Protein backbone atom coordinates (compact mmCIF):
# COMPACT_ATOMS: atom_id res chain seq x y z
CA MET A 1 38.43 8.85 -45.30
CA PRO A 2 40.12 9.85 -48.57
CA VAL A 3 38.40 12.52 -50.62
CA GLN A 4 36.81 10.92 -53.70
CA VAL A 5 36.90 13.08 -56.85
CA ALA A 6 35.35 12.38 -60.25
CA ILE A 7 36.71 14.31 -63.24
CA VAL A 8 34.34 14.35 -66.20
CA GLY A 9 36.54 14.54 -69.28
CA ALA A 10 40.03 13.09 -69.82
CA GLY A 11 41.56 15.93 -71.82
CA PRO A 12 44.37 18.29 -70.80
CA SER A 13 42.34 20.26 -68.26
CA GLY A 14 41.16 17.06 -66.60
CA PHE A 15 44.66 15.59 -66.39
CA TYR A 16 46.16 18.80 -65.02
CA ALA A 17 43.43 18.86 -62.38
CA ALA A 18 44.11 15.22 -61.46
CA ALA A 19 47.85 15.80 -61.12
CA ALA A 20 47.26 18.84 -58.91
CA LEU A 21 44.83 16.91 -56.69
CA LEU A 22 47.29 14.04 -56.25
CA ARG A 23 50.06 16.46 -55.28
CA ALA A 24 47.86 18.38 -52.86
CA ASP A 25 46.38 15.42 -50.96
CA ALA A 26 48.30 12.19 -50.42
CA ALA A 27 45.07 10.28 -49.75
CA CYS A 28 42.88 11.73 -52.52
CA HIS A 29 41.45 9.28 -55.08
CA VAL A 30 40.58 10.49 -58.60
CA ASP A 31 38.42 8.79 -61.22
CA PHE A 32 38.15 9.93 -64.84
CA ILE A 33 34.75 9.63 -66.53
CA GLU A 34 35.35 9.90 -70.28
CA ALA A 35 32.79 9.54 -73.08
CA LEU A 36 35.28 8.04 -75.55
CA PRO A 37 37.34 4.87 -75.08
CA THR A 38 40.38 7.03 -75.87
CA PRO A 39 41.88 9.56 -73.42
CA PHE A 40 43.67 12.89 -73.91
CA GLY A 41 40.88 14.95 -75.51
CA LEU A 42 42.23 17.64 -77.82
CA ILE A 43 45.71 16.09 -77.76
CA ARG A 44 44.29 13.25 -79.84
CA GLY A 45 41.32 14.92 -81.50
CA GLY A 46 42.29 18.59 -81.84
CA VAL A 47 46.05 19.08 -82.16
CA ALA A 48 47.10 19.10 -85.81
CA PRO A 49 48.36 15.67 -86.93
CA ASP A 50 51.64 17.17 -88.17
CA HIS A 51 52.41 18.57 -84.71
CA GLN A 52 53.50 15.35 -83.06
CA SER A 53 55.82 17.11 -80.62
CA THR A 54 52.82 18.93 -79.12
CA LYS A 55 51.15 15.57 -78.53
CA GLY A 56 54.12 14.49 -76.39
CA VAL A 57 52.45 15.85 -73.25
CA SER A 58 50.20 12.78 -73.38
CA ARG A 59 53.11 10.75 -71.94
CA ALA A 60 52.93 12.78 -68.73
CA PHE A 61 49.15 12.37 -68.70
CA ALA A 62 49.56 8.60 -69.12
CA ARG A 63 51.79 8.48 -66.05
CA THR A 64 49.07 10.25 -64.07
CA ALA A 65 46.46 7.80 -65.33
CA GLN A 66 48.56 4.86 -64.11
CA GLU A 67 48.93 6.21 -60.57
CA PRO A 68 47.45 3.75 -58.01
CA ARG A 69 45.05 6.44 -56.78
CA VAL A 70 43.60 7.07 -60.25
CA GLY A 71 40.83 5.22 -62.08
CA TYR A 72 39.83 5.56 -65.73
CA TYR A 73 36.31 4.83 -66.96
CA GLY A 74 36.26 5.38 -70.70
CA ASN A 75 33.25 4.80 -72.94
CA VAL A 76 31.03 6.15 -70.15
CA VAL A 77 28.83 9.04 -71.25
CA LEU A 78 27.53 11.60 -68.77
CA GLY A 79 23.77 11.84 -69.16
CA ARG A 80 23.51 8.48 -70.92
CA ASP A 81 25.26 6.00 -68.66
CA VAL A 82 25.38 8.00 -65.46
CA SER A 83 23.76 11.29 -64.45
CA LEU A 84 25.50 14.23 -62.85
CA ASP A 85 23.29 13.86 -59.78
CA GLU A 86 24.40 10.23 -59.44
CA LEU A 87 28.07 11.20 -59.73
CA ARG A 88 27.62 13.88 -57.10
CA GLY A 89 26.10 11.25 -54.84
CA PHE A 90 29.03 8.87 -55.38
CA TYR A 91 31.87 11.42 -55.09
CA ASP A 92 32.79 14.17 -52.65
CA ALA A 93 33.70 16.44 -55.56
CA VAL A 94 32.95 16.41 -59.29
CA VAL A 95 35.13 18.42 -61.69
CA LEU A 96 33.68 19.26 -65.11
CA ALA A 97 36.50 19.11 -67.67
CA THR A 98 34.26 18.55 -70.68
CA GLY A 99 35.79 21.22 -72.90
CA ALA A 100 33.84 23.16 -75.51
CA PRO A 101 33.52 20.73 -78.42
CA LEU A 102 30.91 22.51 -80.55
CA ASP A 103 31.46 25.22 -83.16
CA ARG A 104 30.12 28.70 -82.66
CA PRO A 105 27.71 29.31 -85.54
CA LEU A 106 28.95 31.52 -88.37
CA GLY A 107 25.62 33.32 -88.36
CA ILE A 108 25.65 35.07 -91.75
CA PRO A 109 23.30 34.60 -94.72
CA GLY A 110 24.09 31.40 -96.59
CA SER A 111 26.01 29.80 -93.72
CA ASP A 112 23.67 26.78 -93.85
CA ALA A 113 24.77 25.98 -97.41
CA THR A 114 26.38 22.71 -98.39
CA GLY A 115 30.13 23.18 -98.17
CA VAL A 116 30.18 25.27 -94.97
CA TYR A 117 31.89 23.50 -92.06
CA GLY A 118 32.84 24.43 -88.53
CA ALA A 119 36.48 23.97 -87.58
CA ALA A 120 35.66 21.75 -84.59
CA ALA A 121 33.91 19.32 -86.92
CA PHE A 122 36.51 19.63 -89.69
CA VAL A 123 39.48 19.19 -87.36
CA GLY A 124 37.70 16.29 -85.68
CA TRP A 125 37.18 14.75 -89.12
CA TYR A 126 40.81 14.85 -90.18
CA ASN A 127 41.93 13.74 -86.71
CA GLY A 128 39.67 10.67 -86.76
CA HIS A 129 37.35 11.70 -83.91
CA PRO A 130 34.44 9.22 -83.80
CA ASP A 131 31.87 12.03 -83.57
CA PHE A 132 33.05 13.57 -86.85
CA CYS A 133 34.44 10.73 -88.94
CA ASP A 134 31.35 10.76 -91.19
CA LEU A 135 31.50 14.50 -91.95
CA ASN A 136 32.64 13.73 -95.52
CA PRO A 137 33.41 17.33 -96.56
CA ASP A 138 33.26 18.12 -100.26
CA LEU A 139 36.76 19.29 -101.14
CA ASN A 140 36.33 19.03 -104.92
CA THR A 141 37.22 22.68 -105.36
CA SER A 142 40.21 24.77 -106.32
CA ALA A 143 39.69 27.28 -103.50
CA VAL A 144 38.74 27.11 -99.80
CA ALA A 145 38.02 30.01 -97.44
CA VAL A 146 39.09 29.56 -93.80
CA ILE A 147 37.55 32.17 -91.51
CA GLY A 148 39.63 32.97 -88.44
CA ASN A 149 43.03 34.33 -87.47
CA GLY A 150 44.06 31.91 -84.74
CA ASN A 151 46.09 28.72 -84.58
CA VAL A 152 43.12 26.49 -85.40
CA ALA A 153 42.52 28.39 -88.64
CA ILE A 154 46.17 28.29 -89.65
CA ASP A 155 46.36 24.57 -88.78
CA VAL A 156 43.40 23.87 -91.09
CA ALA A 157 44.98 25.87 -93.90
CA ARG A 158 48.32 24.10 -93.51
CA VAL A 159 46.83 20.60 -93.46
CA LEU A 160 44.86 21.38 -96.63
CA VAL A 161 47.97 22.33 -98.63
CA LYS A 162 50.68 20.00 -97.36
CA THR A 163 51.89 17.27 -99.71
CA PRO A 164 51.45 13.55 -98.98
CA ALA A 165 55.19 13.34 -98.30
CA GLU A 166 54.95 16.14 -95.72
CA MET A 167 52.11 14.31 -93.97
CA ALA A 168 53.60 10.81 -94.14
CA ALA A 169 55.00 10.84 -90.59
CA THR A 170 51.76 12.11 -89.03
CA ASP A 171 48.59 10.49 -87.71
CA LEU A 172 46.28 12.16 -90.23
CA ALA A 173 43.28 9.82 -90.46
CA ASP A 174 43.30 7.65 -93.58
CA HIS A 175 39.91 8.83 -94.88
CA ALA A 176 40.98 12.47 -94.54
CA ALA A 177 44.38 11.90 -96.14
CA LYS A 178 42.71 10.38 -99.20
CA ALA A 179 40.18 13.20 -99.54
CA ILE A 180 42.66 16.03 -98.97
CA HIS A 181 45.46 14.70 -101.18
CA GLN A 182 43.05 14.00 -104.06
CA ALA A 183 41.43 17.43 -103.80
CA PRO A 184 42.29 19.98 -106.53
CA ILE A 185 42.84 22.77 -103.98
CA GLU A 186 45.22 25.47 -105.21
CA ASP A 187 44.20 28.49 -103.12
CA VAL A 188 43.30 28.82 -99.45
CA TYR A 189 42.09 32.18 -98.15
CA LEU A 190 42.83 32.78 -94.46
CA ILE A 191 40.45 35.55 -93.41
CA GLY A 192 40.56 37.83 -90.37
CA ARG A 193 38.18 40.68 -89.47
CA ARG A 194 41.00 42.68 -87.91
CA GLY A 195 44.55 43.48 -88.96
CA PRO A 196 47.77 41.47 -88.84
CA ALA A 197 48.81 43.08 -85.54
CA GLU A 198 45.66 41.64 -83.91
CA ALA A 199 46.02 38.12 -85.36
CA LYS A 200 46.21 35.37 -82.71
CA PHE A 201 48.65 33.06 -84.51
CA THR A 202 51.64 32.00 -82.48
CA ASN A 203 54.80 32.76 -84.42
CA LYS A 204 55.79 29.10 -84.65
CA GLU A 205 52.59 28.25 -86.53
CA LEU A 206 52.83 31.35 -88.69
CA THR A 207 56.47 30.70 -89.63
CA GLU A 208 55.63 27.16 -90.72
CA MET A 209 53.54 28.58 -93.56
CA GLY A 210 56.73 29.83 -95.20
CA ASP A 211 58.38 26.42 -95.23
CA LEU A 212 55.84 24.30 -97.13
CA ALA A 213 56.97 22.18 -100.06
CA ALA A 214 54.28 23.10 -102.57
CA CYS A 215 52.57 26.16 -101.12
CA ALA A 216 53.58 29.81 -100.80
CA PRO A 217 52.14 32.37 -98.35
CA MET A 218 50.69 35.47 -100.00
CA VAL A 219 50.42 38.75 -98.09
CA ASP A 220 49.58 42.27 -99.31
CA PRO A 221 52.42 44.44 -97.93
CA ALA A 222 50.06 47.43 -97.75
CA GLN A 223 48.12 45.66 -94.98
CA ILE A 224 51.15 45.31 -92.69
CA PRO A 225 51.64 48.26 -90.30
CA ALA A 226 55.11 49.63 -89.68
CA GLN A 227 54.80 48.99 -85.95
CA VAL A 228 52.44 47.95 -83.19
CA ASP A 229 50.81 51.08 -81.77
CA ASP A 230 48.29 49.74 -79.23
CA GLU A 231 49.02 49.80 -75.51
CA MET A 232 49.90 46.31 -74.24
CA SER A 233 52.48 44.45 -72.21
CA ASP A 234 56.06 44.29 -73.46
CA ARG A 235 55.65 40.55 -73.96
CA ASP A 236 52.54 40.93 -76.13
CA ARG A 237 54.21 43.69 -78.11
CA ARG A 238 57.24 41.48 -78.83
CA LEU A 239 55.01 38.62 -79.96
CA ARG A 240 52.99 40.83 -82.29
CA GLU A 241 56.06 42.50 -83.76
CA LYS A 242 57.55 39.07 -84.39
CA ASN A 243 54.43 38.09 -86.35
CA LEU A 244 54.58 41.32 -88.35
CA ALA A 245 58.22 40.63 -89.24
CA THR A 246 57.28 37.15 -90.44
CA LEU A 247 54.42 38.54 -92.54
CA ARG A 248 56.74 41.15 -94.10
CA GLY A 249 59.01 38.31 -95.14
CA PHE A 250 56.06 36.54 -96.76
CA ALA A 251 55.10 39.74 -98.62
CA GLU A 252 58.55 39.96 -100.18
CA ARG A 253 58.38 36.51 -101.76
CA PRO A 254 57.88 36.35 -105.55
CA PRO A 255 54.37 35.49 -106.77
CA GLY A 256 53.86 32.15 -108.47
CA GLU A 257 56.85 30.47 -106.84
CA LYS A 258 54.82 27.39 -105.87
CA PRO A 259 51.71 25.69 -107.28
CA LYS A 260 49.54 26.35 -104.21
CA ARG A 261 48.96 29.52 -102.24
CA VAL A 262 47.62 30.56 -98.83
CA HIS A 263 46.33 34.13 -99.02
CA PHE A 264 46.34 36.09 -95.76
CA LEU A 265 43.36 38.46 -95.99
CA PHE A 266 43.23 40.92 -93.11
CA CYS A 267 40.58 43.53 -92.30
CA ALA A 268 37.94 41.48 -94.11
CA LYS A 269 34.60 40.63 -92.50
CA PRO A 270 32.54 37.79 -94.04
CA VAL A 271 28.97 38.98 -94.61
CA GLU A 272 27.43 36.33 -96.88
CA VAL A 273 28.12 32.85 -98.20
CA LEU A 274 27.33 32.90 -101.90
CA GLY A 275 25.71 30.10 -103.87
CA ASP A 276 22.37 28.48 -104.54
CA GLY A 277 22.34 25.95 -101.69
CA ARG A 278 26.00 25.07 -102.31
CA VAL A 279 28.99 27.29 -101.66
CA SER A 280 30.29 29.18 -104.71
CA GLY A 281 31.96 32.10 -103.00
CA LEU A 282 32.19 34.43 -100.03
CA ARG A 283 31.21 38.09 -99.85
CA LEU A 284 33.28 40.23 -97.49
CA GLU A 285 33.32 43.79 -96.22
CA ARG A 286 36.59 45.62 -95.78
CA THR A 287 37.12 46.84 -92.23
CA ARG A 288 39.33 49.18 -90.28
CA VAL A 289 40.54 48.59 -86.74
CA ASP A 290 39.27 51.13 -84.21
CA SER A 291 40.31 50.62 -80.56
CA GLY A 292 40.83 46.93 -81.26
CA ARG A 293 37.44 46.48 -82.94
CA ALA A 294 36.75 45.72 -86.59
CA VAL A 295 34.53 48.46 -88.06
CA GLY A 296 32.94 48.03 -91.48
CA THR A 297 33.89 50.55 -94.18
CA GLY A 298 31.01 49.87 -96.58
CA GLU A 299 33.38 48.53 -99.25
CA PHE A 300 32.60 44.97 -100.33
CA PHE A 301 34.37 42.34 -102.42
CA GLU A 302 33.96 38.66 -103.25
CA ILE A 303 36.22 35.64 -103.48
CA PRO A 304 35.29 32.47 -105.36
CA CYS A 305 35.54 29.27 -103.32
CA GLY A 306 33.83 25.90 -103.08
CA ALA A 307 34.14 25.38 -99.32
CA VAL A 308 34.09 27.58 -96.23
CA ILE A 309 35.58 26.47 -92.90
CA SER A 310 34.71 28.66 -89.93
CA ALA A 311 37.24 28.79 -87.06
CA ILE A 312 35.64 31.55 -84.99
CA GLY A 313 35.35 29.82 -81.62
CA TYR A 314 33.77 26.98 -79.69
CA ARG A 315 30.99 26.46 -77.19
CA MET A 316 29.74 23.83 -74.78
CA PRO A 317 26.79 21.57 -75.49
CA PRO A 318 23.92 21.63 -73.01
CA LEU A 319 24.61 19.39 -70.00
CA ALA A 320 21.77 18.10 -67.86
CA ASP A 321 21.66 19.78 -64.44
CA VAL A 322 24.60 22.05 -65.33
CA PRO A 323 24.04 25.83 -65.54
CA VAL A 324 25.51 27.16 -68.80
CA ASP A 325 26.28 30.78 -69.65
CA GLU A 326 24.85 30.82 -73.19
CA ALA A 327 26.56 34.09 -74.12
CA LYS A 328 30.01 32.80 -73.22
CA GLY A 329 29.38 29.14 -74.06
CA VAL A 330 30.79 27.96 -70.71
CA VAL A 331 29.59 26.48 -67.42
CA THR A 332 28.27 29.23 -65.18
CA ASN A 333 30.94 29.46 -62.48
CA ARG A 334 32.78 31.74 -60.10
CA ASP A 335 36.49 31.14 -60.69
CA GLY A 336 35.70 27.45 -61.24
CA ARG A 337 33.19 26.94 -58.44
CA VAL A 338 29.82 25.91 -59.89
CA ALA A 339 27.91 24.61 -56.85
CA PRO A 340 28.86 22.91 -53.57
CA GLY A 341 31.13 20.00 -54.52
CA LEU A 342 30.93 20.87 -58.24
CA TYR A 343 33.78 22.59 -60.12
CA ALA A 344 34.79 23.45 -63.69
CA VAL A 345 38.21 23.65 -65.36
CA GLY A 346 39.60 24.38 -68.81
CA TRP A 347 37.41 25.51 -71.67
CA ALA A 348 34.28 24.49 -69.75
CA LYS A 349 35.30 27.11 -67.17
CA ARG A 350 36.72 29.99 -69.22
CA GLY A 351 36.10 29.32 -72.91
CA PRO A 352 38.45 28.30 -75.73
CA VAL A 353 41.45 30.52 -75.05
CA GLY A 354 45.13 29.83 -74.46
CA VAL A 355 47.28 26.83 -75.30
CA ILE A 356 47.40 23.36 -73.74
CA GLY A 357 49.55 24.46 -70.82
CA THR A 358 47.09 27.25 -69.98
CA ASN A 359 44.90 24.58 -68.41
CA LYS A 360 47.46 23.85 -65.71
CA ALA A 361 46.51 26.89 -63.65
CA ASP A 362 42.87 25.77 -63.69
CA GLY A 363 43.89 22.40 -62.25
CA ASP A 364 45.88 24.06 -59.49
CA THR A 365 42.91 26.29 -58.65
CA ALA A 366 40.46 23.38 -58.56
CA ALA A 367 42.73 21.35 -56.28
CA ARG A 368 43.09 24.29 -53.91
CA GLN A 369 39.34 24.91 -53.86
CA ILE A 370 38.51 21.26 -53.21
CA GLY A 371 41.04 21.23 -50.38
CA GLU A 372 39.41 24.34 -48.89
CA ASP A 373 35.84 23.09 -49.31
CA ILE A 374 36.15 19.40 -48.37
CA ALA A 375 38.15 18.42 -45.31
CA GLU A 376 37.44 14.69 -45.38
CA GLY A 377 35.84 12.18 -47.72
CA ALA A 378 32.33 10.96 -47.00
CA ARG A 379 31.24 9.21 -50.21
CA PRO A 380 32.03 5.76 -51.68
CA GLY A 381 33.58 6.73 -55.01
CA SER A 382 34.42 4.12 -57.65
CA PRO A 383 32.76 1.04 -56.04
CA ALA A 384 29.37 2.77 -56.27
CA LEU A 385 30.04 3.87 -59.85
CA GLU A 386 31.14 0.39 -60.91
CA ALA A 387 28.05 -1.20 -59.35
CA LEU A 388 25.83 1.21 -61.28
CA LEU A 389 27.61 0.54 -64.58
CA VAL A 390 27.24 -3.24 -64.07
CA GLU A 391 23.57 -2.79 -63.31
CA ARG A 392 23.10 -0.80 -66.53
CA GLY A 393 25.16 -3.13 -68.70
CA VAL A 394 27.79 -0.49 -69.47
CA ARG A 395 31.21 -1.80 -70.48
CA PRO A 396 33.74 0.80 -69.27
CA VAL A 397 37.16 0.96 -70.92
CA SER A 398 40.04 1.01 -68.43
CA PHE A 399 43.37 2.71 -69.06
CA ALA A 400 44.94 -0.72 -69.61
CA ASP A 401 42.24 -1.35 -72.21
CA TRP A 402 43.19 1.92 -73.89
CA GLN A 403 46.80 0.74 -74.03
CA ARG A 404 45.66 -2.30 -75.99
CA ILE A 405 43.82 -0.02 -78.44
CA GLU A 406 46.92 2.16 -78.68
CA ALA A 407 49.08 -0.91 -79.36
CA ALA A 408 46.78 -1.98 -82.18
CA GLU A 409 46.96 1.47 -83.76
CA GLY A 410 50.74 1.48 -83.51
CA ALA A 411 51.04 -1.98 -85.02
CA ALA A 412 48.94 -0.92 -88.01
CA ALA A 413 50.85 2.33 -88.65
CA PRO A 414 52.55 2.89 -92.03
CA ALA A 415 56.33 3.18 -91.94
CA GLY A 416 57.37 6.38 -90.19
CA ALA A 417 53.90 7.21 -88.85
CA PRO A 418 53.09 7.02 -85.13
CA ARG A 419 49.75 5.23 -85.51
CA ARG A 420 46.87 4.42 -87.80
CA LYS A 421 43.89 5.67 -85.86
CA LEU A 422 40.82 3.60 -85.24
CA ILE A 423 38.01 6.06 -85.87
CA ARG A 424 34.93 4.12 -84.78
CA ILE A 425 34.14 3.12 -81.23
CA LYS A 426 32.95 -0.32 -82.30
CA ASP A 427 36.37 -0.99 -83.86
CA MET A 428 38.14 0.19 -80.70
CA LEU A 429 36.02 -2.12 -78.57
CA ALA A 430 36.62 -4.99 -81.00
CA VAL A 431 40.34 -4.74 -80.23
CA LEU A 432 39.54 -5.50 -76.59
CA GLU A 433 37.78 -8.68 -77.63
CA ASP A 434 40.84 -9.87 -79.55
CA SER A 435 43.01 -11.78 -77.10
CA GLU A 436 45.92 -11.78 -79.55
CA VAL A 437 46.51 -8.03 -79.22
CA LYS A 438 49.45 -7.53 -76.89
CA VAL A 439 49.88 -4.59 -74.55
CA THR A 440 53.02 -2.54 -75.18
CA GLU A 441 54.65 0.07 -73.02
CA SER A 442 53.21 3.51 -73.76
């Protein structure tokens, strides 16, 4: 009998795992169990809306989803509509590809103030994720502090300062576009505990900050080292030196050349959010880098700001019957193996590191492990799942249903934009009840 595999989560790690399984076993059948009606995970809900080329990988994922040996059950929530124990009874193998959708807490005094937001929530808000569409951040401020020195932090900063014209050909959610473009933001502070040589920006994202229509990057040249001194691979050294060269170019630009500014603040550790219940500023301690670690110097300073966005990492939510390593915020696993017949991939396996393509290796590993552990299928797979969902009155969304939702978003898009996102599940499901919506090729 074919091996029956359920993949919980239809983001990049889940799709890479599915593709690897299909390649490895000509008889294997794979079903996606996805909480949202919409597939693709961070491609839709996490990648910056002005990075449409990055979202192009979803076309390959769509081809996988339309393979005859693949099923898609969207709008089915693990723990609400079906338990993990039930899935493990229906399938020979279950792969957890749930990601790490929650923000790591900032954990400093004042971080519970109004105006402090986690990047997962904030990015979800401007990307139209149903879980975050009601965040309603208060952006009525001239200055915002973004804590973090990775691509998520720099994406947030860039989206906050781009002009409406620069965002016209994106899928920035309508409610976010209105709030951001009406906000009086003039200064964004991009804050890292360590130095510019340790920053995790990719050079593409960093370079973009120098090409914005109404915003200039601001860098203190005294903070940029002459060279990278730490021991590392030649590749890592080249990448870091490329970033330093870009930052030197930013430092040479004249002050006041554009009406908005993004300030790169390195060696600055946030220690307190200031304000009486509402953000009015951020207190920081200057640091020095010692063996790759940020060490406080005892010198403090403050920056005025009306909002703080923390991009310091992500963690998993608790999952029933799933062992979670609380310190790492991931599923407890040994190279992806969680328990007999239970596996983890992507951020659920190793935490929020790497880029989209990093997940491919996890998929290859999971496929190999399932092939080693399970010689032949012994469980019913999708028929048992479908019977349970009927019994519980759950209306799953198929991949063809998703294509109808996608067609509706495309039809409603402003000129030049790829789509106008539906941000509420009830509105997505309403499309499926409208027989006049036509399916288009994706």
